[in-house]
Each structure stands twice: as C-alpha cells, then as structure tokens.
Amino acid sequence: MSTTALEDRKILNGDPGGSADGPPLRIEPCGRRVRVVLAGQAIVDSTSVQYLFERDHLPVYYFPLADVDQTLLQRSEKTTHCPRKGDASYWSVRVGERVAQDAVWGYETPIEPAAGLAGHVAFYWKQFDHWYEEDEEVFVHPRDPYKRVDTLPSSRHVRIERDGVLLAESRRPVLLFETGIATRFYLPRADLKLDLLEESDTVSQCPYKGRASYYSARINGQVVPDIAWTYTFPVPEAPRLEQLVAFFDERVDTWVDGELRPRPVSNWS
C-alpha cells in the first residue's frame, strides 16, 4: 500500500522569484491549458488560469468560475477566513456516485490585495483523480515557474554509508540541483550494494520529477525504512534520473571527493 507522498511536504520559503520580505501574495497569468478530472469527467478545462503565489505556500491554480462545469457543483455550508484574501466559500463536486466534499473554494468578495481572485475558484489537489497541463499529467501541486530543477552528470567520487556499512560508491553520479532543496546525488544501480537494499511499499510524487518508489536498507540485522528512492519513469523534463537511485543525505553519511558532508536538516531528517 502506498503511503502519503513524502515529497508533498515541501513548502516554499519566501515568495517566488524574490525574498521573504516581498509582497505576501501575487497573482499572475499561467498561460497553460489546465484540466482537472474526477471519475473520468473534466470538472474544469481552462486556458485562462491564474497562479496565486502566496508567501510560505506552494503555488495554487485559480480557474475562472465560468470555465468550471457548474452543474457538478454543490454549494457547501463551510466557510473560512484568510487575513490576506478574505472570506472563502466552498463547493462539493458530485460525478455520479463520486463526491469530492468541500473540494472547491473561492473568494466571492476578496479583500483588495486579492481582488484578482474575484470570479475564480481553486481545487484541493488530492480530492481529484488527474490534473493536466496541456496534455501532460502533473502531480502534487502546480509547477512553480520560478523554481529550477537541474540535473548534471558529474565525475565526483560519491560514497554512501550508514552505521559504517557501505551502501553505494560511484564516480559517475548525476547531481540534482533543485531550488530550496539540498543537492541530491543520483547513482547508477550498478554502483549500489543491492544485496543490502529491498523494495519498499512507499511511493511518492513530485511535480518536477514524477512518481518515485523507495528502498529500505537492512543493516546489521536492522531495517532502515525508505532510505533511498528512484524515478523509474521520470517526467520528460528529467530524463537523466531514469533508473538512478538517490539516498536521503539526512539519514546516511555521504562523502564527496573524500570529504564528509554534513547531514542536511529538512522535512526528511
């Protein structure tokens, strides 16, 4: 059974493309056709989507209400208040026997900083089956246009240990540089001690890389769960990661060119 997506814990630090002392929220046009599907039916199909960038939050798509199939919406009694945006109304979505409860929200009379959200609604990602940008499925949350994810082949010498036990050693890693995330070292399977690794039931999704499956390690008779992951079929933008394996540097000792790197402190520590 799959567990909650580990990579869904990421939170933006500061507003996009700027520092944490920038405006608390910003609205920008997306420019992409975005569709949201439940039970095989498109709930919304729009080419007029807006991004909401809000400090300390992931990006959110806001859709013109006119582009939503409103015959599927049922107004809810739920309301919430946001000091940055105002009072939010909610709707549930029903498609046949499927109901996404309180899955849509919107600010019908937003306060001034969020005035651009009037006439728009947003959707809780996990309550729907599929999300598409143009004809490509996307996962977890909208891709942030201000975020970079670079994969670079390297000849650095990378050595991975846990409790003094060698788990991997490679001179042909692919380094992943992702905005706001510590450098990750992706290694060929041939350079891993595969006899110490076993497949986990855990899976996660990342909007920038795709679906990941995980490995646990058996070290000195003890199982260390979900110590490494791999993207067997990454999204087209990250082809160099295919079939490579990365370890959580938060949970292992990582030497790069003979120097022990400090363990980063993150949501995965």
C-alpha atoms as a PDB file:
ATOM      1  CA  MET A   1       0.000   0.000   0.000  1.00  0.00           C
ATOM      2  CA  SER A   2       1.228   3.452  -0.834  1.00  0.00           C
ATOM      3  CA  THR A   3       1.908   5.893   1.972  1.00  0.00           C
ATOM      4  CA  THR A   4       1.358   9.629   1.998  1.00  0.00           C
ATOM      5  CA  ALA A   5       3.612  11.242  -0.588  1.00  0.00           C
ATOM      6  CA  LEU A   6       6.842  12.242   1.099  1.00  0.00           C
ATOM      7  CA  GLU A   7       7.638  14.933  -1.416  1.00  0.00           C
ATOM      8  CA  ASP A   8       4.269  16.574  -0.750  1.00  0.00           C
ATOM      9  CA  ARG A   9       5.786  18.090   2.404  1.00  0.00           C
ATOM     10  CA  LYS A  10       7.751  20.757   0.547  1.00  0.00           C
ATOM     11  CA  ILE A  11       6.875  24.365   1.411  1.00  0.00           C
ATOM     12  CA  LEU A  12       8.157  27.395  -0.424  1.00  0.00           C
ATOM     13  CA  ASN A  13      10.499  29.645   1.534  1.00  0.00           C
ATOM     14  CA  GLY A  14       9.548  33.213   0.707  1.00  0.00           C
ATOM     15  CA  ASP A  15       7.630  34.461  -2.290  1.00  0.00           C
ATOM     16  CA  PRO A  16       8.549  33.211  -5.776  1.00  0.00           C
ATOM     17  CA  GLY A  17      11.414  34.826  -7.579  1.00  0.00           C
ATOM     18  CA  GLY A  18      12.220  37.104  -4.661  1.00  0.00           C
ATOM     19  CA  SER A  19      12.984  37.402  -0.972  1.00  0.00           C
ATOM     20  CA  ALA A  20      10.801  36.711   2.037  1.00  0.00           C
ATOM     21  CA  ASP A  21      10.240  40.463   2.512  1.00  0.00           C
ATOM     22  CA  GLY A  22       8.388  40.736  -0.819  1.00  0.00           C
ATOM     23  CA  PRO A  23       4.590  41.006  -1.140  1.00  0.00           C
ATOM     24  CA  PRO A  24       2.716  38.290   0.801  1.00  0.00           C
ATOM     25  CA  LEU A  25       0.785  37.266  -2.302  1.00  0.00           C
ATOM     26  CA  ARG A  26       0.951  37.802  -6.039  1.00  0.00           C
ATOM     27  CA  ILE A  27      -1.395  36.819  -8.868  1.00  0.00           C
ATOM     28  CA  GLU A  28      -0.049  36.097 -12.349  1.00  0.00           C
ATOM     29  CA  PRO A  29      -1.461  34.553 -15.536  1.00  0.00           C
ATOM     30  CA  CYS A  30      -0.477  30.923 -16.106  1.00  0.00           C
ATOM     31  CA  GLY A  31      -0.852  30.714 -19.895  1.00  0.00           C
ATOM     32  CA  ARG A  32      -1.296  26.922 -19.893  1.00  0.00           C
ATOM     33  CA  ARG A  33      -4.415  24.886 -20.561  1.00  0.00           C
ATOM     34  CA  VAL A  34      -5.214  23.124 -17.286  1.00  0.00           C
ATOM     35  CA  ARG A  35      -7.784  20.362 -16.733  1.00  0.00           C
ATOM     36  CA  VAL A  36      -8.992  18.684 -13.548  1.00  0.00           C
ATOM     37  CA  VAL A  37     -10.649  15.249 -13.815  1.00  0.00           C
ATOM     38  CA  LEU A  38     -12.844  13.295 -11.406  1.00  0.00           C
ATOM     39  CA  ALA A  39     -14.371   9.903 -12.254  1.00  0.00           C
ATOM     40  CA  GLY A  40     -13.404  10.325 -15.888  1.00  0.00           C
ATOM     41  CA  GLN A  41     -15.070  13.732 -16.289  1.00  0.00           C
ATOM     42  CA  ALA A  42     -13.356  17.093 -16.676  1.00  0.00           C
ATOM     43  CA  ILE A  43     -14.572  19.359 -13.889  1.00  0.00           C
ATOM     44  CA  VAL A  44     -12.754  22.338 -15.359  1.00  0.00           C
ATOM     45  CA  ASP A  45     -10.938  22.899 -18.648  1.00  0.00           C
ATOM     46  CA  SER A  46      -9.415  26.362 -18.907  1.00  0.00           C
ATOM     47  CA  THR A  47      -6.836  28.361 -20.816  1.00  0.00           C
ATOM     48  CA  SER A  48      -7.350  31.395 -18.556  1.00  0.00           C
ATOM     49  CA  VAL A  49      -5.843  30.024 -15.356  1.00  0.00           C
ATOM     50  CA  GLN A  50      -4.121  32.270 -12.825  1.00  0.00           C
ATOM     51  CA  TYR A  51      -1.311  31.405 -10.434  1.00  0.00           C
ATOM     52  CA  LEU A  52      -1.596  32.526  -6.834  1.00  0.00           C
ATOM     53  CA  PHE A  53       1.840  32.851  -5.242  1.00  0.00           C
ATOM     54  CA  GLU A  54       1.493  33.268  -1.500  1.00  0.00           C
ATOM     55  CA  ARG A  55       4.382  33.550   0.940  1.00  0.00           C
ATOM     56  CA  ASP A  56       5.181  30.232   2.668  1.00  0.00           C
ATOM     57  CA  HIS A  57       2.749  28.323   0.436  1.00  0.00           C
ATOM     58  CA  LEU A  58       3.022  26.291  -2.737  1.00  0.00           C
ATOM     59  CA  PRO A  59       1.575  27.821  -5.934  1.00  0.00           C
ATOM     60  CA  VAL A  60      -2.177  27.392  -6.491  1.00  0.00           C
ATOM     61  CA  TYR A  61      -4.167  27.418  -9.734  1.00  0.00           C
ATOM     62  CA  TYR A  62      -7.241  29.663  -9.734  1.00  0.00           C
ATOM     63  CA  PHE A  63      -9.756  28.982 -12.519  1.00  0.00           C
ATOM     64  CA  PRO A  64     -12.443  31.299 -13.894  1.00  0.00           C
ATOM     65  CA  LEU A  65     -15.734  30.034 -12.485  1.00  0.00           C
ATOM     66  CA  ALA A  66     -17.141  30.336 -15.999  1.00  0.00           C
ATOM     67  CA  ASP A  67     -14.775  27.535 -17.131  1.00  0.00           C
ATOM     68  CA  VAL A  68     -15.983  25.126 -14.417  1.00  0.00           C
ATOM     69  CA  ASP A  69     -18.826  22.671 -15.104  1.00  0.00           C
ATOM     70  CA  GLN A  70     -21.103  24.261 -12.523  1.00  0.00           C
ATOM     71  CA  THR A  71     -23.759  21.558 -12.954  1.00  0.00           C
ATOM     72  CA  LEU A  72     -21.405  19.350 -10.891  1.00  0.00           C
ATOM     73  CA  LEU A  73     -21.003  21.843  -8.023  1.00  0.00           C
ATOM     74  CA  GLN A  74     -22.998  21.814  -4.815  1.00  0.00           C
ATOM     75  CA  ARG A  75     -22.592  24.832  -2.525  1.00  0.00           C
ATOM     76  CA  SER A  76     -21.380  23.869   0.943  1.00  0.00           C
ATOM     77  CA  GLU A  77     -22.142  25.425   4.312  1.00  0.00           C
ATOM     78  CA  LYS A  78     -18.412  25.591   5.019  1.00  0.00           C
ATOM     79  CA  THR A  79     -16.692  28.987   5.091  1.00  0.00           C
ATOM     80  CA  THR A  80     -13.208  30.079   6.172  1.00  0.00           C
ATOM     81  CA  HIS A  81     -11.415  33.386   6.588  1.00  0.00           C
ATOM     82  CA  CYS A  82      -7.956  34.344   5.374  1.00  0.00           C
ATOM     83  CA  PRO A  83      -6.443  37.672   6.518  1.00  0.00           C
ATOM     84  CA  ARG A  84      -4.713  38.029   3.147  1.00  0.00           C
ATOM     85  CA  LYS A  85      -7.670  37.176   0.899  1.00  0.00           C
ATOM     86  CA  GLY A  86     -10.947  37.463   2.823  1.00  0.00           C
ATOM     87  CA  ASP A  87     -13.867  35.064   3.343  1.00  0.00           C
ATOM     88  CA  ALA A  88     -13.887  31.841   1.311  1.00  0.00           C
ATOM     89  CA  SER A  89     -16.954  29.938   0.126  1.00  0.00           C
ATOM     90  CA  TYR A  90     -16.837  26.196  -0.613  1.00  0.00           C
ATOM     91  CA  TRP A  91     -18.459  23.748  -3.006  1.00  0.00           C
ATOM     92  CA  SER A  92     -18.531  19.969  -3.222  1.00  0.00           C
ATOM     93  CA  VAL A  93     -18.276  18.158  -6.563  1.00  0.00           C
ATOM     94  CA  ARG A  94     -20.506  15.220  -7.494  1.00  0.00           C
ATOM     95  CA  VAL A  95     -19.905  12.971 -10.522  1.00  0.00           C
ATOM     96  CA  GLY A  96     -22.274  10.011 -10.397  1.00  0.00           C
ATOM     97  CA  GLU A  97     -21.621   8.237  -7.095  1.00  0.00           C
ATOM     98  CA  ARG A  98     -18.327  10.064  -6.510  1.00  0.00           C
ATOM     99  CA  VAL A  99     -18.366  13.094  -4.235  1.00  0.00           C
ATOM    100  CA  ALA A 100     -15.388  15.365  -3.535  1.00  0.00           C
ATOM    101  CA  GLN A 101     -16.528  17.034  -0.332  1.00  0.00           C
ATOM    102  CA  ASP A 102     -15.748  20.748   0.111  1.00  0.00           C
ATOM    103  CA  ALA A 103     -13.164  20.331  -2.645  1.00  0.00           C
ATOM    104  CA  VAL A 104     -13.573  23.715  -4.360  1.00  0.00           C
ATOM    105  CA  TRP A 105     -13.207  27.146  -2.794  1.00  0.00           C
ATOM    106  CA  GLY A 106     -13.300  30.728  -3.913  1.00  0.00           C
ATOM    107  CA  TYR A 107     -13.306  34.302  -2.594  1.00  0.00           C
ATOM    108  CA  GLU A 108     -16.522  35.766  -3.937  1.00  0.00           C
ATOM    109  CA  THR A 109     -15.759  39.211  -2.491  1.00  0.00           C
ATOM    110  CA  PRO A 110     -11.996  39.168  -1.849  1.00  0.00           C
ATOM    111  CA  ILE A 111     -10.246  41.967   0.001  1.00  0.00           C
ATOM    112  CA  GLU A 112      -8.131  44.410  -2.010  1.00  0.00           C
ATOM    113  CA  PRO A 113      -4.755  42.551  -2.111  1.00  0.00           C
ATOM    114  CA  ALA A 114      -6.552  39.542  -3.609  1.00  0.00           C
ATOM    115  CA  ALA A 115      -9.040  41.405  -5.801  1.00  0.00           C
ATOM    116  CA  GLY A 116      -7.821  39.486  -8.854  1.00  0.00           C
ATOM    117  CA  LEU A 117      -9.287  36.261  -7.411  1.00  0.00           C
ATOM    118  CA  ALA A 118     -12.871  37.507  -7.781  1.00  0.00           C
ATOM    119  CA  GLY A 119     -14.817  35.194 -10.080  1.00  0.00           C
ATOM    120  CA  HIS A 120     -12.223  32.427  -9.685  1.00  0.00           C
ATOM    121  CA  VAL A 121     -12.108  29.166  -7.751  1.00  0.00           C
ATOM    122  CA  ALA A 122      -9.406  26.702  -6.703  1.00  0.00           C
ATOM    123  CA  PHE A 123      -9.435  22.935  -6.157  1.00  0.00           C
ATOM    124  CA  TYR A 124      -7.959  20.686  -3.469  1.00  0.00           C
ATOM    125  CA  TRP A 125      -5.447  18.653  -5.450  1.00  0.00           C
ATOM    126  CA  LYS A 126      -5.777  15.312  -3.677  1.00  0.00           C
ATOM    127  CA  GLN A 127      -9.554  15.153  -3.993  1.00  0.00           C
ATOM    128  CA  PHE A 128      -9.359  14.720  -7.780  1.00  0.00           C
ATOM    129  CA  ASP A 129      -8.080  11.880  -9.926  1.00  0.00           C
ATOM    130  CA  HIS A 130      -5.973  13.643 -12.551  1.00  0.00           C
ATOM    131  CA  TRP A 131      -4.544  17.073 -13.317  1.00  0.00           C
ATOM    132  CA  TYR A 132      -3.171  18.045 -16.725  1.00  0.00           C
ATOM    133  CA  GLU A 133      -1.114  20.948 -18.040  1.00  0.00           C
ATOM    134  CA  GLU A 134      -1.849  20.856 -21.756  1.00  0.00           C
ATOM    135  CA  ASP A 135      -1.742  17.055 -22.427  1.00  0.00           C
ATOM    136  CA  GLU A 136       0.794  16.116 -19.752  1.00  0.00           C
ATOM    137  CA  GLU A 137      -0.287  14.883 -16.334  1.00  0.00           C
ATOM    138  CA  VAL A 138       1.141  16.802 -13.382  1.00  0.00           C
ATOM    139  CA  PHE A 139       1.362  15.694  -9.781  1.00  0.00           C
ATOM    140  CA  VAL A 140       1.068  17.045  -6.215  1.00  0.00           C
ATOM    141  CA  HIS A 141       0.838  20.784  -6.981  1.00  0.00           C
ATOM    142  CA  PRO A 142       1.367  23.240  -9.869  1.00  0.00           C
ATOM    143  CA  ARG A 143       4.915  23.537 -11.131  1.00  0.00           C
ATOM    144  CA  ASP A 144       6.425  26.785  -9.942  1.00  0.00           C
ATOM    145  CA  PRO A 145       7.757  28.722 -12.968  1.00  0.00           C
ATOM    146  CA  TYR A 146      10.294  30.397 -10.657  1.00  0.00           C
ATOM    147  CA  LYS A 147      11.776  27.107  -9.492  1.00  0.00           C
ATOM    148  CA  ARG A 148      14.720  25.407 -11.235  1.00  0.00           C
ATOM    149  CA  VAL A 149      15.481  21.698 -11.298  1.00  0.00           C
ATOM    150  CA  ASP A 150      18.815  20.969 -12.997  1.00  0.00           C
ATOM    151  CA  THR A 151      20.388  17.528 -13.466  1.00  0.00           C
ATOM    152  CA  LEU A 152      24.102  17.495 -14.247  1.00  0.00           C
ATOM    153  CA  PRO A 153      26.348  14.479 -14.946  1.00  0.00           C
ATOM    154  CA  SER A 154      29.462  14.527 -12.775  1.00  0.00           C
ATOM    155  CA  SER A 155      32.709  12.650 -12.178  1.00  0.00           C
ATOM    156  CA  ARG A 156      32.749  13.359  -8.454  1.00  0.00           C
ATOM    157  CA  HIS A 157      33.511  10.413  -6.187  1.00  0.00           C
ATOM    158  CA  VAL A 158      30.400   9.762  -4.074  1.00  0.00           C
ATOM    159  CA  ARG A 159      30.386   7.253  -1.223  1.00  0.00           C
ATOM    160  CA  ILE A 160      27.296   6.446   0.874  1.00  0.00           C
ATOM    161  CA  GLU A 161      27.435   4.687   4.239  1.00  0.00           C
ATOM    162  CA  ARG A 162      25.100   4.017   7.136  1.00  0.00           C
ATOM    163  CA  ASP A 163      26.495   2.970  10.526  1.00  0.00           C
ATOM    164  CA  GLY A 164      29.834   2.262   8.853  1.00  0.00           C
ATOM    165  CA  VAL A 165      28.287  -0.049   6.236  1.00  0.00           C
ATOM    166  CA  LEU A 166      28.931   0.821   2.581  1.00  0.00           C
ATOM    167  CA  LEU A 167      25.684   1.228   0.615  1.00  0.00           C
ATOM    168  CA  ALA A 168      26.949   2.780  -2.619  1.00  0.00           C
ATOM    169  CA  GLU A 169      30.086   4.155  -4.259  1.00  0.00           C
ATOM    170  CA  SER A 170      30.226   5.862  -7.639  1.00  0.00           C
ATOM    171  CA  ARG A 171      32.350   8.091  -9.839  1.00  0.00           C
ATOM    172  CA  ARG A 172      29.503   8.735 -12.283  1.00  0.00           C
ATOM    173  CA  PRO A 173      26.707  10.387 -10.292  1.00  0.00           C
ATOM    174  CA  VAL A 174      24.068  12.725 -11.662  1.00  0.00           C
ATOM    175  CA  LEU A 175      23.697  15.739  -9.373  1.00  0.00           C
ATOM    176  CA  LEU A 176      20.249  17.228  -8.904  1.00  0.00           C
ATOM    177  CA  PHE A 177      20.140  20.939  -8.079  1.00  0.00           C
ATOM    178  CA  GLU A 178      16.623  21.960  -7.037  1.00  0.00           C
ATOM    179  CA  THR A 179      15.736  25.403  -5.727  1.00  0.00           C
ATOM    180  CA  GLY A 180      15.382  25.313  -1.956  1.00  0.00           C
ATOM    181  CA  ILE A 181      16.477  21.657  -1.628  1.00  0.00           C
ATOM    182  CA  ALA A 182      19.920  20.291  -0.728  1.00  0.00           C
ATOM    183  CA  THR A 183      21.900  18.802  -3.635  1.00  0.00           C
ATOM    184  CA  ARG A 184      20.926  15.206  -4.315  1.00  0.00           C
ATOM    185  CA  PHE A 185      23.268  12.561  -5.711  1.00  0.00           C
ATOM    186  CA  TYR A 186      21.657  10.065  -8.093  1.00  0.00           C
ATOM    187  CA  LEU A 187      23.728   6.921  -8.620  1.00  0.00           C
ATOM    188  CA  PRO A 188      23.604   4.053 -11.135  1.00  0.00           C
ATOM    189  CA  ARG A 189      22.157   0.847  -9.717  1.00  0.00           C
ATOM    190  CA  ALA A 190      25.348  -0.976 -10.652  1.00  0.00           C
ATOM    191  CA  ASP A 191      27.191   1.180  -8.102  1.00  0.00           C
ATOM    192  CA  LEU A 192      24.857   0.219  -5.229  1.00  0.00           C
ATOM    193  CA  LYS A 193      25.114  -2.655  -2.748  1.00  0.00           C
ATOM    194  CA  LEU A 194      21.809  -4.055  -3.909  1.00  0.00           C
ATOM    195  CA  ASP A 195      22.065  -7.033  -1.564  1.00  0.00           C
ATOM    196  CA  LEU A 196      21.534  -4.585   1.319  1.00  0.00           C
ATOM    197  CA  LEU A 197      18.501  -2.864  -0.240  1.00  0.00           C
ATOM    198  CA  GLU A 198      14.917  -4.079  -0.508  1.00  0.00           C
ATOM    199  CA  GLU A 199      11.948  -2.513  -2.230  1.00  0.00           C
ATOM    200  CA  SER A 200       9.527  -0.600  -0.020  1.00  0.00           C
ATOM    201  CA  ASP A 201       5.778  -0.180  -0.446  1.00  0.00           C
ATOM    202  CA  THR A 202       6.216   3.598  -0.236  1.00  0.00           C
ATOM    203  CA  VAL A 203       5.596   5.735  -3.302  1.00  0.00           C
ATOM    204  CA  SER A 204       5.570   9.492  -3.709  1.00  0.00           C
ATOM    205  CA  GLN A 205       5.009  12.028  -6.457  1.00  0.00           C
ATOM    206  CA  CYS A 206       6.848  15.167  -7.444  1.00  0.00           C
ATOM    207  CA  PRO A 207       5.577  17.708  -9.992  1.00  0.00           C
ATOM    208  CA  TYR A 208       9.119  18.205 -11.319  1.00  0.00           C
ATOM    209  CA  LYS A 209      10.314  14.594 -11.467  1.00  0.00           C
ATOM    210  CA  GLY A 210       7.356  12.189 -11.458  1.00  0.00           C
ATOM    211  CA  ARG A 211       6.492   9.098  -9.390  1.00  0.00           C
ATOM    212  CA  ALA A 212       9.151   7.720  -7.048  1.00  0.00           C
ATOM    213  CA  SER A 213       9.447   4.281  -5.489  1.00  0.00           C
ATOM    214  CA  TYR A 214      11.564   3.605  -2.417  1.00  0.00           C
ATOM    215  CA  TYR A 215      14.148   1.255  -0.925  1.00  0.00           C
ATOM    216  CA  SER A 216      14.785   0.300   2.661  1.00  0.00           C
ATOM    217  CA  ALA A 217      18.176  -0.948   3.834  1.00  0.00           C
ATOM    218  CA  ARG A 218      18.909  -3.956   6.028  1.00  0.00           C
ATOM    219  CA  ILE A 219      21.993  -3.111   8.066  1.00  0.00           C
ATOM    220  CA  ASN A 220      23.395  -5.272  10.859  1.00  0.00           C
ATOM    221  CA  GLY A 221      20.047  -7.048  11.123  1.00  0.00           C
ATOM    222  CA  GLN A 222      18.045  -3.818  11.392  1.00  0.00           C
ATOM    223  CA  VAL A 223      15.756  -2.349   8.726  1.00  0.00           C
ATOM    224  CA  VAL A 224      16.212   1.350   7.957  1.00  0.00           C
ATOM    225  CA  PRO A 225      12.980   2.266   6.118  1.00  0.00           C
ATOM    226  CA  ASP A 226      12.783   4.362   2.965  1.00  0.00           C
ATOM    227  CA  ILE A 227      16.443   5.334   2.887  1.00  0.00           C
ATOM    228  CA  ALA A 228      16.617   5.779  -0.898  1.00  0.00           C
ATOM    229  CA  TRP A 229      14.343   6.369  -3.873  1.00  0.00           C
ATOM    230  CA  THR A 230      14.266   6.108  -7.645  1.00  0.00           C
ATOM    231  CA  TYR A 231      12.261   7.524 -10.554  1.00  0.00           C
ATOM    232  CA  THR A 232      11.848   4.509 -12.831  1.00  0.00           C
ATOM    233  CA  PHE A 233       9.984   6.586 -15.421  1.00  0.00           C
ATOM    234  CA  PRO A 234      10.622  10.283 -14.668  1.00  0.00           C
ATOM    235  CA  VAL A 235       8.786  13.116 -16.370  1.00  0.00           C
ATOM    236  CA  PRO A 236      10.218  14.155 -19.757  1.00  0.00           C
ATOM    237  CA  GLU A 237      11.994  17.161 -18.224  1.00  0.00           C
ATOM    238  CA  ALA A 238      14.153  14.910 -16.025  1.00  0.00           C
ATOM    239  CA  PRO A 239      15.317  12.053 -18.313  1.00  0.00           C
ATOM    240  CA  ARG A 240      18.767  11.775 -16.712  1.00  0.00           C
ATOM    241  CA  LEU A 241      17.227  10.487 -13.487  1.00  0.00           C
ATOM    242  CA  GLU A 242      15.748   7.382 -15.100  1.00  0.00           C
ATOM    243  CA  GLN A 243      16.682   4.217 -13.170  1.00  0.00           C
ATOM    244  CA  LEU A 244      19.142   6.088 -10.921  1.00  0.00           C
ATOM    245  CA  VAL A 245      18.901   5.902  -7.126  1.00  0.00           C
ATOM    246  CA  ALA A 246      19.342   8.682  -4.558  1.00  0.00           C
ATOM    247  CA  PHE A 247      19.764   8.398  -0.790  1.00  0.00           C
ATOM    248  CA  PHE A 248      18.405  10.718   1.857  1.00  0.00           C
ATOM    249  CA  ASP A 249      21.590  12.519   2.903  1.00  0.00           C
ATOM    250  CA  GLU A 250      19.684  13.357   6.078  1.00  0.00           C
ATOM    251  CA  ARG A 251      19.854   9.639   7.032  1.00  0.00           C
ATOM    252  CA  VAL A 252      23.215   8.459   5.691  1.00  0.00           C
ATOM    253  CA  ASP A 253      26.853   9.524   5.734  1.00  0.00           C
ATOM    254  CA  THR A 254      27.788  10.972   2.347  1.00  0.00           C
ATOM    255  CA  TRP A 255      31.378  11.515   1.231  1.00  0.00           C
ATOM    256  CA  VAL A 256      32.022  13.571  -1.899  1.00  0.00           C
ATOM    257  CA  ASP A 257      35.598  13.547  -3.192  1.00  0.00           C
ATOM    258  CA  GLY A 258      36.717  12.211   0.166  1.00  0.00           C
ATOM    259  CA  GLU A 259      35.024  14.904   2.258  1.00  0.00           C
ATOM    260  CA  LEU A 260      32.177  14.005   4.609  1.00  0.00           C
ATOM    261  CA  ARG A 261      29.199  16.278   4.006  1.00  0.00           C
ATOM    262  CA  PRO A 262      27.160  17.459   6.995  1.00  0.00           C
ATOM    263  CA  ARG A 263      23.741  15.887   7.140  1.00  0.00           C
ATOM    264  CA  PRO A 264      21.190  18.493   5.996  1.00  0.00           C
ATOM    265  CA  VAL A 265      18.266  19.323   8.247  1.00  0.00           C
ATOM    266  CA  SER A 266      14.973  19.164   6.367  1.00  0.00           C
ATOM    267  CA  ASN A 267      11.480  17.648   6.380  1.00  0.00           C
ATOM    268  CA  TRP A 268      13.154  14.316   5.602  1.00  0.00           C
ATOM    269  CA  SER A 269      15.524  14.295   8.581  1.00  0.00           C
END
